[in-house]
Amino acid sequence: MISSRNKSLAAAAFVATTICGTINAFSTRCASSKYHHHISTTSTSLFSSTAQEQEQELFYAAAGSPSVDMNKYNLPLPSCIENWTAVLQAETSMQSAGIFLKAKDSELFVDSLRFTIRRSGGLGLILTELAGGREDGVGITIIEEVVDGGNADGSGIQPGDSIVVLTVKKSVNKGINVEEERVSVATECLSYDATIEALMSLPEVVSDDDEVTLTVKRLRRQPKISVKLQYPPSDNLPDASIELFAGENLRRAMLTRGIKLNDKFAERFDSGGMGDCGADGTCATCVVSVGKGMDLLSPMKQQEEQILKTKPRWRMACKTVVGFGMTEGDLTIQLSPRQWEI
């Protein structure tokens, strides 16, 4: 079985392959069409390649664009093998129905990356199947090895990545014009055999300059922020420690972890009365004083900056995101800082 698989791909000169690992079966059915072919047309060149690792345009919701090298959060291959799984997703306004890759461990997340490499001579990737054996082709196939000197070498593709979409271009004669079409094939949550069948369904390589763009999913650990909480001396409480993930709202994160936050003795900034504004950012009763780790927090917006202009170490917890830029580190904050001034 292994030799026949290797032989079929050697003939295609598309991917170097081997099979290992356990074969498991899913109890779900694939809800999407086979291989998801997609074609679009353009008259400009869509691809470029580079010998060095390719930069990614990434954005992580509340944490924003990364200010650190995200590869520091990559997992070694054995951890990827242990933590890849798949889930059946119903259709939502943001995503079509289907089976999608997911991390087993809640402290990990799935990132999506794109890499463009040459096709001629093969991709230089060794694949391994983690799950499969179903008649409908559903499974999990990942990259086991990036071959030294192959087309993928140095691109940034890593062992443990799973290829989810491949896109190539081909020239099409339309009258007196020659247009370029993008042809895409989806391979997310396919078995080894179904993955190879999908790869070989792409248009043939016609030039040494032909390229393919691989969209891969990668498991990464979530950046963590270790927070030391200091209570006012009048509370007579020991310091506490909690751990937050990059992108969490500081107020919401502390409340969900049972941390008393809003200063019940503080007058509201907006009305002068008591009570909080419910995270509207107008009362300033949830302010904290940052003793360490200010660089781990999201920048102030205009309203917060105006309200706290005389308190450079204070932040409104309701308007603060920790681990901004996907950073991690140590954060020390004083709760109810007005009581520290008494």
Protein backbone atom coordinates (compact mmCIF):
# COMPACT_ATOMS: atom_id res chain seq x y z
CA MET A 1 0.00 0.00 0.00
CA ILE A 2 2.76 2.44 0.89
CA SER A 3 4.78 1.71 -2.24
CA SER A 4 1.78 2.21 -4.52
CA ARG A 5 1.06 5.57 -2.98
CA ASN A 6 4.65 6.70 -3.39
CA LYS A 7 4.70 5.51 -6.98
CA SER A 8 1.59 7.47 -7.98
CA LEU A 9 3.00 10.71 -6.63
CA ALA A 10 6.46 10.19 -8.05
CA ALA A 11 4.83 9.97 -11.46
CA ALA A 12 2.99 13.21 -10.82
CA ALA A 13 6.20 14.86 -9.57
CA PHE A 14 4.03 16.86 -7.21
CA VAL A 15 4.69 15.76 -3.65
CA ALA A 16 7.09 13.37 -1.95
CA THR A 17 5.01 11.20 0.35
CA THR A 18 5.09 8.53 2.98
CA ILE A 19 2.46 7.14 5.33
CA CYS A 20 2.74 6.50 9.03
CA GLY A 21 0.69 6.93 12.19
CA THR A 22 -2.56 5.41 13.32
CA ILE A 23 -5.70 5.32 11.23
CA ASN A 24 -8.87 6.30 13.04
CA ALA A 25 -12.46 6.74 11.91
CA PHE A 26 -14.70 9.77 12.35
CA SER A 27 -18.34 9.42 13.35
CA THR A 28 -19.36 12.47 11.32
CA ARG A 29 -20.13 12.84 7.64
CA CYS A 30 -18.58 15.36 5.30
CA ALA A 31 -21.21 18.00 4.59
CA SER A 32 -19.43 19.70 1.72
CA SER A 33 -18.78 18.89 -1.93
CA LYS A 34 -15.77 16.85 -2.99
CA TYR A 35 -12.51 18.84 -3.11
CA HIS A 36 -14.28 22.23 -3.39
CA HIS A 37 -12.89 23.24 -6.80
CA HIS A 38 -13.04 26.98 -7.33
CA ILE A 39 -12.05 28.97 -10.42
CA SER A 40 -11.62 32.72 -10.81
CA THR A 41 -10.19 34.80 -13.61
CA THR A 42 -7.68 37.64 -13.67
CA SER A 43 -5.40 39.27 -16.19
CA THR A 44 -2.52 39.94 -13.79
CA SER A 45 0.10 37.76 -12.18
CA LEU A 46 -1.04 36.50 -8.80
CA PHE A 47 2.02 34.73 -7.47
CA SER A 48 5.54 35.49 -6.41
CA SER A 49 8.10 33.32 -4.66
CA THR A 50 11.10 33.90 -2.46
CA ALA A 51 13.89 31.72 -1.13
CA GLN A 52 13.43 33.00 2.42
CA GLU A 53 10.50 32.43 4.75
CA GLN A 54 7.48 34.30 3.46
CA GLU A 55 5.88 37.07 5.51
CA GLN A 56 2.25 36.65 6.55
CA GLU A 57 -0.43 39.31 6.85
CA LEU A 58 -2.03 38.24 10.12
CA PHE A 59 -4.65 39.81 12.39
CA TYR A 60 -5.94 38.38 15.64
CA ALA A 61 -9.21 40.11 16.51
CA ALA A 62 -8.82 42.07 19.77
CA ALA A 63 -5.09 41.31 19.94
CA GLY A 64 -4.55 43.03 16.56
CA SER A 65 -1.64 42.47 14.21
CA PRO A 66 1.27 40.57 15.76
CA SER A 67 4.26 42.58 16.92
CA VAL A 68 6.31 39.43 17.57
CA ASP A 69 7.48 36.50 15.46
CA MET A 70 4.50 34.14 15.65
CA ASN A 71 6.77 31.16 15.03
CA LYS A 72 7.74 31.33 18.71
CA TYR A 73 4.32 29.81 19.41
CA ASN A 74 4.70 26.88 17.00
CA LEU A 75 4.42 23.33 18.32
CA PRO A 76 6.81 20.45 17.66
CA LEU A 77 5.54 17.70 15.37
CA PRO A 78 4.69 15.18 18.16
CA SER A 79 2.46 17.79 19.86
CA CYS A 80 0.72 18.53 16.55
CA ILE A 81 0.04 14.83 16.01
CA GLU A 82 -1.40 14.62 19.52
CA ASN A 83 -3.61 17.71 19.27
CA TRP A 84 -5.11 17.81 15.76
CA THR A 85 -8.79 16.89 15.62
CA ALA A 86 -11.79 17.71 13.43
CA VAL A 87 -15.30 18.99 14.12
CA LEU A 88 -18.53 19.10 12.16
CA GLN A 89 -19.55 22.76 11.80
CA ALA A 90 -23.08 23.87 11.00
CA GLU A 91 -23.50 26.77 8.60
CA THR A 92 -23.21 30.23 10.11
CA SER A 93 -23.14 33.77 8.73
CA MET A 94 -19.34 33.61 8.88
CA GLN A 95 -18.67 30.06 7.66
CA SER A 96 -20.20 27.41 5.45
CA ALA A 97 -21.10 24.00 6.82
CA GLY A 98 -18.46 21.28 6.74
CA ILE A 99 -15.76 19.46 8.67
CA PHE A 100 -12.91 21.64 9.89
CA LEU A 101 -9.65 21.22 11.76
CA LYS A 102 -9.53 22.12 15.43
CA ALA A 103 -7.16 21.90 18.39
CA LYS A 104 -7.96 19.40 21.13
CA ASP A 105 -6.29 21.53 23.81
CA SER A 106 -8.09 24.78 24.70
CA GLU A 107 -4.72 26.47 25.27
CA LEU A 108 -3.89 26.06 21.57
CA PHE A 109 -5.34 27.80 18.53
CA VAL A 110 -5.46 27.11 14.80
CA ASP A 111 -3.75 29.67 12.58
CA SER A 112 -4.11 30.00 8.79
CA LEU A 113 -1.04 30.81 6.66
CA ARG A 114 -0.25 31.06 2.95
CA PHE A 115 2.93 30.11 1.13
CA THR A 116 3.76 30.31 -2.58
CA ILE A 117 6.33 27.87 -3.99
CA ARG A 118 7.33 26.43 -7.35
CA ARG A 119 5.60 23.31 -8.66
CA SER A 120 8.20 21.96 -11.08
CA GLY A 121 10.04 19.02 -9.55
CA GLY A 122 7.54 18.47 -6.77
CA LEU A 123 6.66 20.35 -3.63
CA GLY A 124 9.17 18.53 -1.47
CA LEU A 125 6.73 17.62 1.29
CA ILE A 126 6.27 14.30 3.09
CA LEU A 127 2.70 13.72 4.24
CA THR A 128 1.33 11.49 6.97
CA GLU A 129 -2.24 10.45 7.69
CA LEU A 130 -3.50 10.84 11.26
CA ALA A 131 -7.06 9.68 10.61
CA GLY A 132 -8.89 8.15 7.69
CA GLY A 133 -10.16 4.82 6.42
CA ARG A 134 -13.62 6.10 5.52
CA GLU A 135 -15.36 5.63 2.20
CA ASP A 136 -16.20 9.33 1.94
CA GLY A 137 -12.53 10.35 2.16
CA VAL A 138 -12.82 12.26 5.44
CA GLY A 139 -9.67 12.23 7.56
CA ILE A 140 -6.72 14.27 8.76
CA THR A 141 -3.49 14.51 6.75
CA ILE A 142 -0.55 16.64 7.84
CA ILE A 143 2.96 17.45 6.71
CA GLU A 144 5.46 15.15 8.39
CA GLU A 145 8.62 16.57 6.85
CA VAL A 146 9.82 19.40 4.63
CA VAL A 147 12.44 17.86 2.33
CA ASP A 148 15.86 19.56 2.38
CA GLY A 149 16.48 21.31 -0.93
CA GLY A 150 12.89 20.84 -2.11
CA ASN A 151 10.64 23.62 -3.33
CA ALA A 152 9.03 24.05 0.11
CA ASP A 153 12.38 24.23 1.90
CA GLY A 154 12.85 27.69 3.42
CA SER A 155 9.31 28.84 2.59
CA GLY A 156 8.15 28.73 6.19
CA ILE A 157 5.99 25.61 5.88
CA GLN A 158 6.46 23.49 9.00
CA PRO A 159 6.05 19.82 9.96
CA GLY A 160 2.66 19.51 11.63
CA ASP A 161 0.94 21.92 9.21
CA SER A 162 -2.10 20.64 7.36
CA ILE A 163 -2.73 21.76 3.76
CA VAL A 164 -6.31 23.01 3.41
CA VAL A 165 -6.32 24.74 0.01
CA LEU A 166 -4.02 24.71 -3.04
CA THR A 167 -4.32 27.36 -5.73
CA VAL A 168 -2.59 27.38 -9.11
CA LYS A 169 -2.89 29.55 -12.19
CA LYS A 170 -3.28 28.57 -15.81
CA SER A 171 -3.45 30.57 -19.03
CA VAL A 172 -6.65 30.40 -21.07
CA ASN A 173 -7.05 31.67 -24.63
CA LYS A 174 -10.17 33.78 -25.01
CA GLY A 175 -10.26 35.11 -28.52
CA ILE A 176 -7.36 37.47 -29.03
CA ASN A 177 -6.74 37.72 -25.28
CA VAL A 178 -4.92 35.37 -22.95
CA GLU A 179 -6.27 35.41 -19.42
CA GLU A 180 -5.07 33.75 -16.26
CA GLU A 181 -7.38 31.59 -14.21
CA ARG A 182 -6.90 30.61 -10.60
CA VAL A 183 -7.89 27.04 -9.90
CA SER A 184 -8.27 26.05 -6.25
CA VAL A 185 -8.78 22.70 -4.61
CA ALA A 186 -9.68 22.22 -0.93
CA THR A 187 -8.06 19.44 1.08
CA GLU A 188 -9.06 20.23 4.65
CA CYS A 189 -10.00 17.14 6.66
CA LEU A 190 -9.29 14.66 3.89
CA SER A 191 -7.62 11.27 4.25
CA TYR A 192 -4.24 10.63 2.67
CA ASP A 193 -5.70 9.01 -0.47
CA ALA A 194 -8.33 11.74 -0.90
CA THR A 195 -5.65 14.43 -0.41
CA ILE A 196 -3.45 12.90 -3.12
CA GLU A 197 -6.41 12.55 -5.47
CA ALA A 198 -7.25 16.22 -4.93
CA LEU A 199 -3.64 17.33 -5.56
CA MET A 200 -3.45 15.36 -8.78
CA SER A 201 -6.71 16.90 -10.02
CA LEU A 202 -4.98 20.29 -10.43
CA PRO A 203 -3.85 21.42 -13.93
CA GLU A 204 -0.56 19.98 -15.15
CA VAL A 205 2.75 21.78 -14.69
CA VAL A 206 3.60 23.44 -18.02
CA SER A 207 6.57 25.62 -17.08
CA ASP A 208 9.46 25.68 -14.64
CA ASP A 209 8.04 28.98 -13.44
CA ASP A 210 4.65 27.51 -12.46
CA GLU A 211 3.79 28.15 -8.82
CA VAL A 212 1.24 26.97 -6.31
CA THR A 213 -0.08 28.78 -3.26
CA LEU A 214 -0.67 26.54 -0.27
CA THR A 215 -3.02 27.61 2.47
CA VAL A 216 -2.12 25.63 5.57
CA LYS A 217 -3.53 25.44 9.06
CA ARG A 218 -1.06 25.40 11.93
CA LEU A 219 -1.41 24.64 15.62
CA ARG A 220 0.07 27.27 17.90
CA ARG A 221 -0.03 27.83 21.62
CA GLN A 222 -1.87 30.88 22.84
CA PRO A 223 0.39 33.61 24.25
CA LYS A 224 -0.06 33.95 28.02
CA ILE A 225 0.12 36.89 30.38
CA SER A 226 0.93 36.22 34.03
CA VAL A 227 -0.89 38.84 36.09
CA LYS A 228 0.03 39.78 39.66
CA LEU A 229 -2.86 41.49 41.42
CA GLN A 230 -2.23 43.81 44.36
CA TYR A 231 -5.15 44.85 46.61
CA PRO A 232 -5.29 48.15 48.51
CA PRO A 233 -3.61 47.95 51.96
CA SER A 234 -6.97 48.63 53.61
CA ASP A 235 -8.37 45.38 52.18
CA ASN A 236 -5.75 43.36 54.07
CA LEU A 237 -5.65 40.78 51.28
CA PRO A 238 -2.57 38.98 49.97
CA ASP A 239 -1.43 39.45 46.39
CA ALA A 240 -3.09 37.12 43.89
CA SER A 241 -1.99 35.72 40.55
CA ILE A 242 -4.02 34.82 37.48
CA GLU A 243 -3.11 33.80 33.95
CA LEU A 244 -4.73 35.40 30.91
CA PHE A 245 -4.51 34.75 27.19
CA ALA A 246 -3.50 37.38 24.64
CA GLY A 247 -6.58 39.15 23.31
CA GLU A 248 -8.63 38.97 26.51
CA ASN A 249 -10.40 42.06 27.81
CA LEU A 250 -8.92 42.85 31.22
CA ARG A 251 -12.19 43.67 33.00
CA ARG A 252 -14.10 40.71 31.61
CA ALA A 253 -11.22 38.33 32.28
CA MET A 254 -10.90 39.35 35.91
CA LEU A 255 -14.63 39.22 36.60
CA THR A 256 -14.96 35.74 35.11
CA ARG A 257 -12.12 34.62 37.40
CA GLY A 258 -13.86 35.99 40.48
CA ILE A 259 -11.66 39.07 40.96
CA LYS A 260 -13.29 42.04 42.66
CA LEU A 261 -12.67 44.95 40.32
CA ASN A 262 -14.92 48.01 40.41
CA ASP A 263 -14.06 50.34 43.28
CA LYS A 264 -17.31 50.59 45.25
CA PHE A 265 -16.06 53.71 47.03
CA ALA A 266 -15.16 55.59 43.86
CA GLU A 267 -17.35 58.31 42.40
CA ARG A 268 -18.21 57.93 38.75
CA PHE A 269 -16.19 60.16 36.46
CA ASP A 270 -19.21 60.91 34.25
CA SER A 271 -21.94 61.57 36.82
CA GLY A 272 -20.27 61.79 40.19
CA GLY A 273 -22.62 59.13 41.54
CA MET A 274 -21.93 55.56 42.62
CA GLY A 275 -22.00 52.33 40.63
CA ASP A 276 -20.41 51.41 37.32
CA CYS A 277 -21.29 52.13 33.69
CA GLY A 278 -21.31 48.49 32.57
CA ALA A 279 -18.09 48.69 30.54
CA ASP A 280 -19.06 51.76 28.51
CA GLY A 281 -15.77 53.41 29.47
CA THR A 282 -17.35 56.49 31.03
CA CYS A 283 -17.32 55.96 34.81
CA ALA A 284 -13.66 55.03 35.40
CA THR A 285 -14.53 52.93 38.46
CA CYS A 286 -12.72 49.90 36.97
CA VAL A 287 -9.37 51.66 36.66
CA VAL A 288 -6.20 49.84 37.65
CA SER A 289 -2.67 51.11 38.13
CA VAL A 290 -0.07 49.32 36.03
CA GLY A 291 3.20 48.75 37.84
CA LYS A 292 4.74 46.46 35.23
CA GLY A 293 3.88 45.38 31.71
CA MET A 294 2.30 48.49 30.23
CA ASP A 295 3.77 47.44 26.88
CA LEU A 296 1.59 44.30 26.95
CA LEU A 297 -1.62 46.34 26.82
CA SER A 298 -3.61 47.77 23.94
CA PRO A 299 -3.08 51.50 23.22
CA MET A 300 -5.45 53.99 24.79
CA LYS A 301 -8.19 55.41 22.63
CA GLN A 302 -9.14 59.07 22.77
CA GLN A 303 -11.86 58.88 25.44
CA GLU A 304 -9.78 56.86 27.88
CA GLU A 305 -6.76 59.08 27.27
CA GLN A 306 -8.75 62.23 28.05
CA ILE A 307 -10.30 60.81 31.23
CA LEU A 308 -6.99 59.53 32.60
CA LYS A 309 -4.68 62.27 31.30
CA THR A 310 -3.41 63.09 34.82
CA LYS A 311 -2.81 59.42 35.71
CA PRO A 312 -0.22 58.04 33.26
CA ARG A 313 -0.04 54.60 34.99
CA TRP A 314 -3.79 54.08 35.13
CA ARG A 315 -5.85 52.11 32.65
CA MET A 316 -9.58 51.43 32.34
CA ALA A 317 -9.86 47.68 32.63
CA CYS A 318 -13.02 47.66 30.49
CA LYS A 319 -11.15 49.22 27.56
CA THR A 320 -7.88 47.33 27.91
CA VAL A 321 -6.82 44.22 26.00
CA VAL A 322 -3.92 42.20 27.39
CA GLY A 323 -1.28 40.64 25.18
CA PHE A 324 -1.87 43.21 22.45
CA GLY A 325 0.09 42.33 19.33
CA MET A 326 0.09 38.67 20.48
CA THR A 327 2.71 39.48 23.11
CA GLU A 328 3.22 37.60 26.37
CA GLY A 329 4.94 38.39 29.64
CA ASP A 330 4.39 39.57 33.21
CA LEU A 331 1.85 42.19 34.25
CA THR A 332 1.52 43.76 37.71
CA ILE A 333 -1.54 45.85 38.54
CA GLN A 334 -2.93 47.56 41.63
CA LEU A 335 -6.68 47.29 42.06
CA SER A 336 -8.76 50.29 43.18
CA PRO A 337 -5.80 52.69 42.84
CA ARG A 338 -7.72 55.60 44.40
CA GLN A 339 -7.66 53.74 47.72
CA TRP A 340 -3.87 53.50 47.51
CA GLU A 341 -3.74 57.32 47.57
CA ILE A 342 -5.69 57.64 50.83
